[in-house]
Amino acid sequence: MKVGKHTYLADNNVYIASAYSLAGPYESKGTFREYFDTVMEDDEWKCKSHELTEIEMQRFTIGECLDRAKVNPMDCDLILGGDLLNQIVPTSFSARDFNTPFMGLYNACATFGEALSIGSCLIGGDFERVICCTSSHYATAERQYRYPLELGTQPTPESQWTVTGCGAVMLSKSKCDAPQIKGFTAGEVIDFGLCDANNMGGAMAPAAAKTIVNHFKDTGRSPDYYDLIITGDLGRFGRDTLHYLCKKEGYDIDNLNDCGSMIYSEKQKAGQGGSGAGCCSLVFCSYIYKKLQEGSLKKVLFVPTGAMLSRDSALQGESIPGIAHAVIIEKE
């Protein structure tokens, strides 16, 4: 059922039947170590390149998510997912190992929100089971978007640390004791004209604010309807900017936080915090999902954010458009 211009509320139950999280070694030293299902012993994970590592990360996480749900890959209707690398190679190549239909998605670091939104619509139709998965790897993202690690380039104060991690969920039509997707608010591409590729949080915050405000206007809800409103990977600067922009629109949100600003401890030298397509999926599939399952969180507005740039667009002086999708997740 469509509500307003941007929001869709689920007519049928869409259960998040299982979730699985895989964290890199640096991420395991951060805030959510006790919530991660598996921690990689090193960044290579016995692979010959970091790109091959990210393929293995996706393959492993999807497989474990299927096993946790006790579902054979042949009984899964679709895999939806993406990553940050050229032509989403890690996700596409990992899908070779599953005899399951696959659709690759790309909304930068907001891809997990896109996958959850589209997957919930399919479950609301004739699909029974859909896997949603995203990943990122610090070394592969640095090589593509900035500089290879071997150059030892110093980050700027606005920079964030690309999360090495992967998260996957299985959406199901079958009733179970699990959190449910109750709907989503689709985001608009918002461009405030920022051109600094190091300032991702500043570029994405306006899109996150637009989506959150649209969600409240479409649904008639106030921020206190939710126990937690959490964005994807704005980092500390982007989170503070988002809070300011929402307050400017009349929404002073006390229960607002950000996966990127939370994932690393203060002792870690991670700049403004975490980023990457695996940032929000890792935090969701570990900390948020388990808090929903245990009942300490009951209603969450999950807002993955993405910076829609490429290496070429940045080098050509283009500005950085942002996108954000808000997914309503509740546990009855």
C-alpha atoms as a PDB file:
ATOM      1  CA  MET A   1       0.000   0.000   0.000  1.00  0.00           C
ATOM      2  CA  LYS A   2       1.443   3.334  -1.023  1.00  0.00           C
ATOM      3  CA  VAL A   3       1.307   6.149   1.534  1.00  0.00           C
ATOM      4  CA  GLY A   4       2.135   9.639   0.320  1.00  0.00           C
ATOM      5  CA  LYS A   5       4.633  10.045  -2.491  1.00  0.00           C
ATOM      6  CA  HIS A   6       7.607   8.089  -1.165  1.00  0.00           C
ATOM      7  CA  THR A   7       6.419   5.449   1.325  1.00  0.00           C
ATOM      8  CA  TYR A   8       5.112   1.904   0.898  1.00  0.00           C
ATOM      9  CA  LEU A   9       3.617  -0.081   3.766  1.00  0.00           C
ATOM     10  CA  ALA A  10       3.629  -3.861   3.530  1.00  0.00           C
ATOM     11  CA  ASP A  11       0.229  -5.499   3.047  1.00  0.00           C
ATOM     12  CA  ASN A  12       1.660  -8.933   3.933  1.00  0.00           C
ATOM     13  CA  ASN A  13       4.074 -10.115   6.597  1.00  0.00           C
ATOM     14  CA  VAL A  14       7.734 -10.012   5.524  1.00  0.00           C
ATOM     15  CA  TYR A  15       9.898 -11.819   8.067  1.00  0.00           C
ATOM     16  CA  ILE A  16      13.661 -11.443   8.387  1.00  0.00           C
ATOM     17  CA  ALA A  17      14.004 -15.152   9.089  1.00  0.00           C
ATOM     18  CA  SER A  18      17.781 -15.218   9.494  1.00  0.00           C
ATOM     19  CA  ALA A  19      20.792 -12.921   9.469  1.00  0.00           C
ATOM     20  CA  TYR A  20      24.542 -13.498   9.368  1.00  0.00           C
ATOM     21  CA  SER A  21      27.471 -11.138   9.874  1.00  0.00           C
ATOM     22  CA  LEU A  22      31.136 -11.451   8.882  1.00  0.00           C
ATOM     23  CA  ALA A  23      33.557  -8.822  10.213  1.00  0.00           C
ATOM     24  CA  GLY A  24      37.120  -7.943   9.317  1.00  0.00           C
ATOM     25  CA  PRO A  25      39.918  -8.031  11.911  1.00  0.00           C
ATOM     26  CA  TYR A  26      39.967  -4.258  12.412  1.00  0.00           C
ATOM     27  CA  GLU A  27      36.200  -4.166  12.868  1.00  0.00           C
ATOM     28  CA  SER A  28      36.472  -6.891  15.495  1.00  0.00           C
ATOM     29  CA  LYS A  29      38.401  -4.441  17.691  1.00  0.00           C
ATOM     30  CA  GLY A  30      35.484  -2.001  17.662  1.00  0.00           C
ATOM     31  CA  THR A  31      32.184  -1.593  19.457  1.00  0.00           C
ATOM     32  CA  PHE A  32      30.249  -4.644  18.248  1.00  0.00           C
ATOM     33  CA  ARG A  33      32.764  -7.511  18.499  1.00  0.00           C
ATOM     34  CA  GLU A  34      30.515  -9.631  20.729  1.00  0.00           C
ATOM     35  CA  TYR A  35      27.685  -9.429  18.177  1.00  0.00           C
ATOM     36  CA  PHE A  36      29.581 -10.591  15.070  1.00  0.00           C
ATOM     37  CA  ASP A  37      28.945 -14.177  13.952  1.00  0.00           C
ATOM     38  CA  THR A  38      32.370 -14.672  12.366  1.00  0.00           C
ATOM     39  CA  VAL A  39      35.560 -12.595  12.471  1.00  0.00           C
ATOM     40  CA  MET A  40      38.206 -12.858   9.735  1.00  0.00           C
ATOM     41  CA  GLU A  41      41.673 -13.615  11.061  1.00  0.00           C
ATOM     42  CA  ASP A  42      43.284 -11.256   8.525  1.00  0.00           C
ATOM     43  CA  ASP A  43      42.389  -9.030   5.567  1.00  0.00           C
ATOM     44  CA  GLU A  44      43.437 -11.597   2.938  1.00  0.00           C
ATOM     45  CA  TRP A  45      41.554 -14.591   4.378  1.00  0.00           C
ATOM     46  CA  LYS A  46      43.815 -17.040   2.500  1.00  0.00           C
ATOM     47  CA  CYS A  47      43.049 -15.434  -0.883  1.00  0.00           C
ATOM     48  CA  LYS A  48      45.566 -14.205  -3.484  1.00  0.00           C
ATOM     49  CA  SER A  49      44.079 -10.695  -3.718  1.00  0.00           C
ATOM     50  CA  HIS A  50      41.754  -8.489  -1.706  1.00  0.00           C
ATOM     51  CA  GLU A  51      39.220  -8.601  -4.527  1.00  0.00           C
ATOM     52  CA  LEU A  52      39.134 -12.405  -4.274  1.00  0.00           C
ATOM     53  CA  THR A  53      38.759 -12.012  -0.530  1.00  0.00           C
ATOM     54  CA  GLU A  54      35.605  -9.952  -0.958  1.00  0.00           C
ATOM     55  CA  ILE A  55      34.151 -12.584  -3.314  1.00  0.00           C
ATOM     56  CA  GLU A  56      34.801 -15.210  -0.653  1.00  0.00           C
ATOM     57  CA  MET A  57      33.258 -12.944   1.999  1.00  0.00           C
ATOM     58  CA  GLN A  58      30.008 -12.774   0.047  1.00  0.00           C
ATOM     59  CA  ARG A  59      29.982 -16.499  -0.748  1.00  0.00           C
ATOM     60  CA  PHE A  60      30.626 -17.448   2.864  1.00  0.00           C
ATOM     61  CA  THR A  61      28.052 -15.063   4.361  1.00  0.00           C
ATOM     62  CA  ILE A  62      25.259 -16.025   1.971  1.00  0.00           C
ATOM     63  CA  GLY A  63      25.961 -19.695   2.591  1.00  0.00           C
ATOM     64  CA  GLU A  64      25.901 -19.281   6.366  1.00  0.00           C
ATOM     65  CA  CYS A  65      22.696 -17.237   6.195  1.00  0.00           C
ATOM     66  CA  LEU A  66      21.039 -20.046   4.194  1.00  0.00           C
ATOM     67  CA  ASP A  67      22.310 -22.664   6.645  1.00  0.00           C
ATOM     68  CA  ARG A  68      21.032 -20.677   9.622  1.00  0.00           C
ATOM     69  CA  ALA A  69      17.591 -20.533   8.017  1.00  0.00           C
ATOM     70  CA  LYS A  70      17.860 -24.265   7.187  1.00  0.00           C
ATOM     71  CA  VAL A  71      17.128 -23.501   3.537  1.00  0.00           C
ATOM     72  CA  ASN A  72      18.731 -25.173   0.547  1.00  0.00           C
ATOM     73  CA  PRO A  73      19.961 -22.675  -2.097  1.00  0.00           C
ATOM     74  CA  MET A  74      17.688 -24.421  -4.606  1.00  0.00           C
ATOM     75  CA  ASP A  75      14.696 -23.439  -2.435  1.00  0.00           C
ATOM     76  CA  CYS A  76      15.621 -19.744  -2.415  1.00  0.00           C
ATOM     77  CA  ASP A  77      13.797 -17.664  -5.027  1.00  0.00           C
ATOM     78  CA  LEU A  78      16.353 -14.898  -5.478  1.00  0.00           C
ATOM     79  CA  ILE A  79      19.599 -13.346  -4.296  1.00  0.00           C
ATOM     80  CA  LEU A  80      19.598  -9.538  -4.228  1.00  0.00           C
ATOM     81  CA  GLY A  81      22.856  -7.783  -3.494  1.00  0.00           C
ATOM     82  CA  GLY A  82      25.742  -5.558  -4.409  1.00  0.00           C
ATOM     83  CA  ASP A  83      29.043  -4.009  -3.415  1.00  0.00           C
ATOM     84  CA  LEU A  84      31.287  -1.075  -4.364  1.00  0.00           C
ATOM     85  CA  LEU A  85      33.616  -2.563  -6.962  1.00  0.00           C
ATOM     86  CA  ASN A  86      33.400  -2.235 -10.728  1.00  0.00           C
ATOM     87  CA  GLN A  87      30.337  -4.057 -12.064  1.00  0.00           C
ATOM     88  CA  ILE A  88      29.683  -5.413  -8.518  1.00  0.00           C
ATOM     89  CA  VAL A  89      32.108  -8.271  -9.208  1.00  0.00           C
ATOM     90  CA  PRO A  90      32.247  -9.701  -5.632  1.00  0.00           C
ATOM     91  CA  THR A  91      28.479 -10.191  -5.452  1.00  0.00           C
ATOM     92  CA  SER A  92      28.108 -11.443  -9.019  1.00  0.00           C
ATOM     93  CA  PHE A  93      31.016 -13.860  -8.777  1.00  0.00           C
ATOM     94  CA  SER A  94      29.893 -15.215  -5.412  1.00  0.00           C
ATOM     95  CA  ALA A  95      26.454 -15.954  -6.911  1.00  0.00           C
ATOM     96  CA  ARG A  96      28.113 -18.524  -9.203  1.00  0.00           C
ATOM     97  CA  ASP A  97      28.229 -20.954  -6.275  1.00  0.00           C
ATOM     98  CA  PHE A  98      24.463 -20.970  -5.678  1.00  0.00           C
ATOM     99  CA  ASN A  99      21.896 -22.476  -8.025  1.00  0.00           C
ATOM    100  CA  THR A 100      19.681 -19.499  -7.310  1.00  0.00           C
ATOM    101  CA  PRO A 101      18.386 -16.634  -9.491  1.00  0.00           C
ATOM    102  CA  PHE A 102      20.430 -13.487  -8.938  1.00  0.00           C
ATOM    103  CA  MET A 103      19.836  -9.767  -9.440  1.00  0.00           C
ATOM    104  CA  GLY A 104      22.699  -7.363  -8.813  1.00  0.00           C
ATOM    105  CA  LEU A 105      21.931  -3.973  -7.273  1.00  0.00           C
ATOM    106  CA  TYR A 106      23.855  -0.748  -6.871  1.00  0.00           C
ATOM    107  CA  ASN A 107      23.024   2.250  -4.730  1.00  0.00           C
ATOM    108  CA  ALA A 108      26.563   2.676  -3.369  1.00  0.00           C
ATOM    109  CA  CYS A 109      26.565   2.274   0.421  1.00  0.00           C
ATOM    110  CA  ALA A 110      22.725   2.391   0.439  1.00  0.00           C
ATOM    111  CA  THR A 111      22.524  -0.878  -1.534  1.00  0.00           C
ATOM    112  CA  PHE A 112      21.463  -2.922   1.503  1.00  0.00           C
ATOM    113  CA  GLY A 113      18.470  -0.629   2.030  1.00  0.00           C
ATOM    114  CA  GLU A 114      17.620  -0.955  -1.651  1.00  0.00           C
ATOM    115  CA  ALA A 115      17.830  -4.753  -1.412  1.00  0.00           C
ATOM    116  CA  LEU A 116      15.598  -4.899   1.683  1.00  0.00           C
ATOM    117  CA  SER A 117      13.034  -2.614   0.044  1.00  0.00           C
ATOM    118  CA  ILE A 118      12.855  -4.515  -3.238  1.00  0.00           C
ATOM    119  CA  GLY A 119      12.997  -7.873  -1.467  1.00  0.00           C
ATOM    120  CA  SER A 120      10.071  -6.966   0.784  1.00  0.00           C
ATOM    121  CA  CYS A 121       7.976  -6.079  -2.271  1.00  0.00           C
ATOM    122  CA  LEU A 122       8.783  -9.443  -3.861  1.00  0.00           C
ATOM    123  CA  ILE A 123       7.896 -11.308  -0.660  1.00  0.00           C
ATOM    124  CA  GLY A 124       4.662  -9.332  -0.636  1.00  0.00           C
ATOM    125  CA  GLY A 125       3.983 -10.883  -4.048  1.00  0.00           C
ATOM    126  CA  ASP A 126       4.660 -14.472  -5.087  1.00  0.00           C
ATOM    127  CA  PHE A 127       8.209 -14.925  -3.784  1.00  0.00           C
ATOM    128  CA  GLU A 128       8.735 -17.146  -0.746  1.00  0.00           C
ATOM    129  CA  ARG A 129      12.395 -16.534   0.161  1.00  0.00           C
ATOM    130  CA  VAL A 130      14.847 -13.796  -0.853  1.00  0.00           C
ATOM    131  CA  ILE A 131      18.454 -13.303   0.255  1.00  0.00           C
ATOM    132  CA  CYS A 132      19.752  -9.713   0.615  1.00  0.00           C
ATOM    133  CA  CYS A 133      23.508  -9.241   0.939  1.00  0.00           C
ATOM    134  CA  THR A 134      26.126  -6.486   0.646  1.00  0.00           C
ATOM    135  CA  SER A 135      29.830  -6.223   1.393  1.00  0.00           C
ATOM    136  CA  SER A 136      32.839  -3.935   1.312  1.00  0.00           C
ATOM    137  CA  HIS A 137      36.571  -4.328   1.911  1.00  0.00           C
ATOM    138  CA  TYR A 138      38.909  -1.566   3.031  1.00  0.00           C
ATOM    139  CA  ALA A 139      41.698  -2.446   0.592  1.00  0.00           C
ATOM    140  CA  THR A 140      39.510  -2.932  -2.498  1.00  0.00           C
ATOM    141  CA  ALA A 141      37.588   0.305  -1.945  1.00  0.00           C
ATOM    142  CA  GLU A 142      40.747   2.329  -1.327  1.00  0.00           C
ATOM    143  CA  ARG A 143      42.281   0.995  -4.532  1.00  0.00           C
ATOM    144  CA  GLN A 144      39.214   1.936  -6.550  1.00  0.00           C
ATOM    145  CA  TYR A 145      38.086   5.228  -5.084  1.00  0.00           C
ATOM    146  CA  ARG A 146      41.232   6.788  -3.643  1.00  0.00           C
ATOM    147  CA  TYR A 147      44.781   5.407  -3.591  1.00  0.00           C
ATOM    148  CA  PRO A 148      46.275   1.913  -3.218  1.00  0.00           C
ATOM    149  CA  LEU A 149      47.372   1.258   0.349  1.00  0.00           C
ATOM    150  CA  GLU A 150      50.959   0.765  -0.801  1.00  0.00           C
ATOM    151  CA  LEU A 151      51.273   4.512  -1.452  1.00  0.00           C
ATOM    152  CA  GLY A 152      50.736   5.316   2.228  1.00  0.00           C
ATOM    153  CA  THR A 153      48.518   8.306   1.412  1.00  0.00           C
ATOM    154  CA  GLN A 154      47.398  10.218   4.503  1.00  0.00           C
ATOM    155  CA  PRO A 155      43.624  10.571   5.030  1.00  0.00           C
ATOM    156  CA  THR A 156      42.011  13.971   5.497  1.00  0.00           C
ATOM    157  CA  PRO A 157      40.179  14.929   8.715  1.00  0.00           C
ATOM    158  CA  GLU A 158      36.834  14.365   6.937  1.00  0.00           C
ATOM    159  CA  SER A 159      37.730  10.855   5.769  1.00  0.00           C
ATOM    160  CA  GLN A 160      36.014   7.667   6.876  1.00  0.00           C
ATOM    161  CA  TRP A 161      37.366   4.124   7.087  1.00  0.00           C
ATOM    162  CA  THR A 162      35.808   1.659   4.652  1.00  0.00           C
ATOM    163  CA  VAL A 163      34.469  -1.264   6.655  1.00  0.00           C
ATOM    164  CA  THR A 164      35.712  -4.758   5.848  1.00  0.00           C
ATOM    165  CA  GLY A 165      32.552  -6.723   6.432  1.00  0.00           C
ATOM    166  CA  CYS A 166      29.545  -8.466   4.978  1.00  0.00           C
ATOM    167  CA  GLY A 167      25.965  -8.961   6.104  1.00  0.00           C
ATOM    168  CA  ALA A 168      23.168 -11.103   4.702  1.00  0.00           C
ATOM    169  CA  VAL A 169      19.539 -11.661   5.644  1.00  0.00           C
ATOM    170  CA  MET A 170      16.881 -14.043   4.406  1.00  0.00           C
ATOM    171  CA  LEU A 171      13.437 -12.560   3.883  1.00  0.00           C
ATOM    172  CA  SER A 172      10.609 -15.060   4.143  1.00  0.00           C
ATOM    173  CA  LYS A 173       6.851 -15.202   3.773  1.00  0.00           C
ATOM    174  CA  SER A 174       6.575 -18.052   6.298  1.00  0.00           C
ATOM    175  CA  LYS A 175       5.519 -16.969   9.782  1.00  0.00           C
ATOM    176  CA  CYS A 176       8.289 -17.168  12.358  1.00  0.00           C
ATOM    177  CA  ASP A 177       9.473 -15.459  15.530  1.00  0.00           C
ATOM    178  CA  ALA A 178      11.584 -12.837  13.785  1.00  0.00           C
ATOM    179  CA  PRO A 179      11.640  -9.106  13.023  1.00  0.00           C
ATOM    180  CA  GLN A 180       9.453  -7.971  10.142  1.00  0.00           C
ATOM    181  CA  ILE A 181       9.837  -5.371   7.412  1.00  0.00           C
ATOM    182  CA  LYS A 182       6.711  -3.251   7.666  1.00  0.00           C
ATOM    183  CA  GLY A 183       7.479  -0.928   4.761  1.00  0.00           C
ATOM    184  CA  PHE A 184       9.996   1.527   3.408  1.00  0.00           C
ATOM    185  CA  THR A 185      10.436   5.096   2.234  1.00  0.00           C
ATOM    186  CA  ALA A 186      12.257   5.311  -1.081  1.00  0.00           C
ATOM    187  CA  GLY A 187      14.859   8.045  -1.295  1.00  0.00           C
ATOM    188  CA  GLU A 188      15.468  10.766  -3.842  1.00  0.00           C
ATOM    189  CA  VAL A 189      18.884  11.610  -5.277  1.00  0.00           C
ATOM    190  CA  ILE A 190      19.924  14.821  -3.521  1.00  0.00           C
ATOM    191  CA  ASP A 191      22.952  16.859  -4.595  1.00  0.00           C
ATOM    192  CA  PHE A 192      24.152  19.768  -2.441  1.00  0.00           C
ATOM    193  CA  GLY A 193      27.117  20.421  -4.718  1.00  0.00           C
ATOM    194  CA  LEU A 194      29.891  18.981  -2.536  1.00  0.00           C
ATOM    195  CA  CYS A 195      32.883  17.839  -4.600  1.00  0.00           C
ATOM    196  CA  ASP A 196      35.256  16.568  -1.913  1.00  0.00           C
ATOM    197  CA  ALA A 197      35.361  12.780  -2.325  1.00  0.00           C
ATOM    198  CA  ASN A 198      36.767  12.496   1.185  1.00  0.00           C
ATOM    199  CA  ASN A 199      33.724  14.134   2.761  1.00  0.00           C
ATOM    200  CA  MET A 200      31.197  11.354   2.186  1.00  0.00           C
ATOM    201  CA  GLY A 201      29.200  12.106   5.324  1.00  0.00           C
ATOM    202  CA  GLY A 202      28.606  15.707   4.304  1.00  0.00           C
ATOM    203  CA  ALA A 203      27.525  14.624   0.823  1.00  0.00           C
ATOM    204  CA  MET A 204      25.060  11.992   2.054  1.00  0.00           C
ATOM    205  CA  ALA A 205      23.521  13.801   5.046  1.00  0.00           C
ATOM    206  CA  PRO A 206      21.112  15.957   2.971  1.00  0.00           C
ATOM    207  CA  ALA A 207      19.719  12.846   1.244  1.00  0.00           C
ATOM    208  CA  ALA A 208      19.258  11.115   4.608  1.00  0.00           C
ATOM    209  CA  ALA A 209      17.467  14.175   6.004  1.00  0.00           C
ATOM    210  CA  LYS A 210      15.187  14.342   2.966  1.00  0.00           C
ATOM    211  CA  THR A 211      14.217  10.672   3.263  1.00  0.00           C
ATOM    212  CA  ILE A 212      13.618  10.806   7.017  1.00  0.00           C
ATOM    213  CA  VAL A 213      11.505  13.963   6.778  1.00  0.00           C
ATOM    214  CA  ASN A 214       9.534  12.480   3.858  1.00  0.00           C
ATOM    215  CA  HIS A 215       8.935   9.359   5.944  1.00  0.00           C
ATOM    216  CA  PHE A 216       7.469  11.347   8.828  1.00  0.00           C
ATOM    217  CA  LYS A 217       5.299  13.422   6.503  1.00  0.00           C
ATOM    218  CA  ASP A 218       4.027  10.401   4.561  1.00  0.00           C
ATOM    219  CA  THR A 219       3.219   8.289   7.624  1.00  0.00           C
ATOM    220  CA  GLY A 220       2.217  11.022  10.062  1.00  0.00           C
ATOM    221  CA  ARG A 221       4.602   9.499  12.594  1.00  0.00           C
ATOM    222  CA  SER A 222       6.936  11.362  14.927  1.00  0.00           C
ATOM    223  CA  PRO A 223      10.525  10.323  15.762  1.00  0.00           C
ATOM    224  CA  ASP A 224       9.474   8.860  19.123  1.00  0.00           C
ATOM    225  CA  TYR A 225       7.437   6.167  17.327  1.00  0.00           C
ATOM    226  CA  TYR A 226      10.776   4.383  16.904  1.00  0.00           C
ATOM    227  CA  ASP A 227      13.160   3.080  19.536  1.00  0.00           C
ATOM    228  CA  LEU A 228      16.062   3.803  17.188  1.00  0.00           C
ATOM    229  CA  ILE A 229      16.536   5.744  13.954  1.00  0.00           C
ATOM    230  CA  ILE A 230      19.886   4.719  12.520  1.00  0.00           C
ATOM    231  CA  THR A 231      21.568   5.745   9.281  1.00  0.00           C
ATOM    232  CA  GLY A 232      24.113   3.770   7.285  1.00  0.00           C
ATOM    233  CA  ASP A 233      27.527   5.341   7.167  1.00  0.00           C
ATOM    234  CA  LEU A 234      27.450   9.096   7.631  1.00  0.00           C
ATOM    235  CA  GLY A 235      30.179   9.013  10.268  1.00  0.00           C
ATOM    236  CA  ARG A 236      30.284  11.473  13.141  1.00  0.00           C
ATOM    237  CA  PHE A 237      30.394  14.640  11.052  1.00  0.00           C
ATOM    238  CA  GLY A 238      27.609  13.445   8.751  1.00  0.00           C
ATOM    239  CA  ARG A 239      25.485  12.322  11.698  1.00  0.00           C
ATOM    240  CA  ASP A 240      25.776  15.730  13.339  1.00  0.00           C
ATOM    241  CA  THR A 241      24.964  17.409  10.020  1.00  0.00           C
ATOM    242  CA  LEU A 242      21.903  15.176   9.630  1.00  0.00           C
ATOM    243  CA  HIS A 243      20.704  16.052  13.116  1.00  0.00           C
ATOM    244  CA  TYR A 244      21.023  19.750  12.287  1.00  0.00           C
ATOM    245  CA  LEU A 245      19.168  19.398   8.965  1.00  0.00           C
ATOM    246  CA  CYS A 246      16.294  17.450  10.542  1.00  0.00           C
ATOM    247  CA  LYS A 247      16.017  19.967  13.369  1.00  0.00           C
ATOM    248  CA  LYS A 248      15.856  22.723  10.766  1.00  0.00           C
ATOM    249  CA  GLU A 249      12.804  20.935   9.312  1.00  0.00           C
ATOM    250  CA  GLY A 250      11.144  20.751  12.727  1.00  0.00           C
ATOM    251  CA  TYR A 251      12.299  17.288  13.830  1.00  0.00           C
ATOM    252  CA  ASP A 252      14.655  17.264  16.814  1.00  0.00           C
ATOM    253  CA  ILE A 253      15.532  13.558  16.844  1.00  0.00           C
ATOM    254  CA  ASP A 254      17.006  12.353  20.133  1.00  0.00           C
ATOM    255  CA  ASN A 255      17.051   8.660  19.142  1.00  0.00           C
ATOM    256  CA  LEU A 256      19.178   9.210  16.013  1.00  0.00           C
ATOM    257  CA  ASN A 257      22.509   7.478  15.468  1.00  0.00           C
ATOM    258  CA  ASP A 258      24.672   6.127  12.654  1.00  0.00           C
ATOM    259  CA  CYS A 259      26.258   2.714  11.991  1.00  0.00           C
ATOM    260  CA  GLY A 260      29.484   4.313  10.772  1.00  0.00           C
ATOM    261  CA  SER A 261      29.833   6.507  13.832  1.00  0.00           C
ATOM    262  CA  MET A 262      29.231   3.543  16.159  1.00  0.00           C
ATOM    263  CA  ILE A 263      31.181   0.646  14.661  1.00  0.00           C
ATOM    264  CA  TYR A 264      34.704   1.706  15.715  1.00  0.00           C
ATOM    265  CA  SER A 265      35.856   2.537  19.232  1.00  0.00           C
ATOM    266  CA  GLU A 266      37.310   5.918  20.138  1.00  0.00           C
ATOM    267  CA  LYS A 267      40.764   4.309  20.442  1.00  0.00           C
ATOM    268  CA  GLN A 268      40.779   3.232  16.789  1.00  0.00           C
ATOM    269  CA  LYS A 269      42.147   5.687  14.240  1.00  0.00           C
ATOM    270  CA  ALA A 270      39.208   5.462  11.837  1.00  0.00           C
ATOM    271  CA  GLY A 271      38.696   9.135  11.018  1.00  0.00           C
ATOM    272  CA  GLN A 272      35.029  10.109  11.131  1.00  0.00           C
ATOM    273  CA  GLY A 273      33.981   6.459  11.415  1.00  0.00           C
ATOM    274  CA  GLY A 274      33.005   3.635   9.107  1.00  0.00           C
ATOM    275  CA  SER A 275      31.694   3.644   5.545  1.00  0.00           C
ATOM    276  CA  GLY A 276      31.159   1.164   2.728  1.00  0.00           C
ATOM    277  CA  ALA A 277      28.337  -1.043   1.478  1.00  0.00           C
ATOM    278  CA  GLY A 278      29.221  -3.553   4.189  1.00  0.00           C
ATOM    279  CA  CYS A 279      29.037  -1.023   7.024  1.00  0.00           C
ATOM    280  CA  CYS A 280      25.281  -0.896   7.581  1.00  0.00           C
ATOM    281  CA  SER A 281      24.657  -4.540   6.616  1.00  0.00           C
ATOM    282  CA  LEU A 282      27.317  -5.699   9.104  1.00  0.00           C
ATOM    283  CA  VAL A 283      25.901  -3.574  11.939  1.00  0.00           C
ATOM    284  CA  PHE A 284      22.325  -4.532  11.108  1.00  0.00           C
ATOM    285  CA  CYS A 285      22.971  -8.274  10.836  1.00  0.00           C
ATOM    286  CA  SER A 286      24.881  -8.304  14.108  1.00  0.00           C
ATOM    287  CA  TYR A 287      23.936  -5.652  16.660  1.00  0.00           C
ATOM    288  CA  ILE A 288      20.542  -4.389  15.458  1.00  0.00           C
ATOM    289  CA  TYR A 289      19.087  -7.772  14.467  1.00  0.00           C
ATOM    290  CA  LYS A 290      20.093  -9.378  17.755  1.00  0.00           C
ATOM    291  CA  LYS A 291      18.720  -6.453  19.773  1.00  0.00           C
ATOM    292  CA  LEU A 292      15.416  -6.847  17.909  1.00  0.00           C
ATOM    293  CA  GLN A 293      15.404 -10.576  18.566  1.00  0.00           C
ATOM    294  CA  GLU A 294      15.979 -10.171  22.291  1.00  0.00           C
ATOM    295  CA  GLY A 295      13.332  -7.453  22.549  1.00  0.00           C
ATOM    296  CA  SER A 296      15.441  -4.506  23.688  1.00  0.00           C
ATOM    297  CA  LEU A 297      14.573  -2.873  20.373  1.00  0.00           C
ATOM    298  CA  LYS A 298      11.051  -3.193  18.987  1.00  0.00           C
ATOM    299  CA  LYS A 299      10.755  -0.534  16.284  1.00  0.00           C
ATOM    300  CA  VAL A 300      13.679   0.609  14.150  1.00  0.00           C
ATOM    301  CA  LEU A 301      13.863   2.992  11.209  1.00  0.00           C
ATOM    302  CA  PHE A 302      16.927   1.749   9.325  1.00  0.00           C
ATOM    303  CA  VAL A 303      18.257   4.301   6.817  1.00  0.00           C
ATOM    304  CA  PRO A 304      21.238   3.111   4.707  1.00  0.00           C
ATOM    305  CA  THR A 305      22.943   5.996   2.910  1.00  0.00           C
ATOM    306  CA  GLY A 306      25.011   6.151  -0.265  1.00  0.00           C
ATOM    307  CA  ALA A 307      27.304   8.563  -2.127  1.00  0.00           C
ATOM    308  CA  MET A 308      26.657   8.172  -5.840  1.00  0.00           C
ATOM    309  CA  LEU A 309      30.103   8.916  -7.215  1.00  0.00           C
ATOM    310  CA  SER A 310      32.666   7.037  -9.251  1.00  0.00           C
ATOM    311  CA  ARG A 311      36.404   7.470  -9.589  1.00  0.00           C
ATOM    312  CA  ASP A 312      35.887   9.080 -12.991  1.00  0.00           C
ATOM    313  CA  SER A 313      33.176  11.496 -11.858  1.00  0.00           C
ATOM    314  CA  ALA A 314      35.352  12.652  -8.954  1.00  0.00           C
ATOM    315  CA  LEU A 315      38.402  13.163 -11.189  1.00  0.00           C
ATOM    316  CA  GLN A 316      36.278  15.145 -13.629  1.00  0.00           C
ATOM    317  CA  GLY A 317      35.183  17.541 -10.887  1.00  0.00           C
ATOM    318  CA  GLU A 318      31.591  16.372 -10.633  1.00  0.00           C
ATOM    319  CA  SER A 319      29.684  16.902  -7.395  1.00  0.00           C
ATOM    320  CA  ILE A 320      28.587  13.964  -5.227  1.00  0.00           C
ATOM    321  CA  PRO A 321      24.862  13.129  -5.200  1.00  0.00           C
ATOM    322  CA  GLY A 322      23.514  11.248  -2.198  1.00  0.00           C
ATOM    323  CA  ILE A 323      20.751   8.674  -1.711  1.00  0.00           C
ATOM    324  CA  ALA A 324      19.083   7.117   1.341  1.00  0.00           C
ATOM    325  CA  HIS A 325      16.270   4.604   1.807  1.00  0.00           C
ATOM    326  CA  ALA A 326      14.389   4.190   5.104  1.00  0.00           C
ATOM    327  CA  VAL A 327      13.249   0.660   6.009  1.00  0.00           C
ATOM    328  CA  ILE A 328      10.670   0.108   8.775  1.00  0.00           C
ATOM    329  CA  ILE A 329      11.579  -2.919  10.901  1.00  0.00           C
ATOM    330  CA  GLU A 330       9.527  -4.072  13.868  1.00  0.00           C
ATOM    331  CA  LYS A 331       9.482  -7.049  16.216  1.00  0.00           C
ATOM    332  CA  GLU A 332       6.103  -7.974  17.633  1.00  0.00           C
END
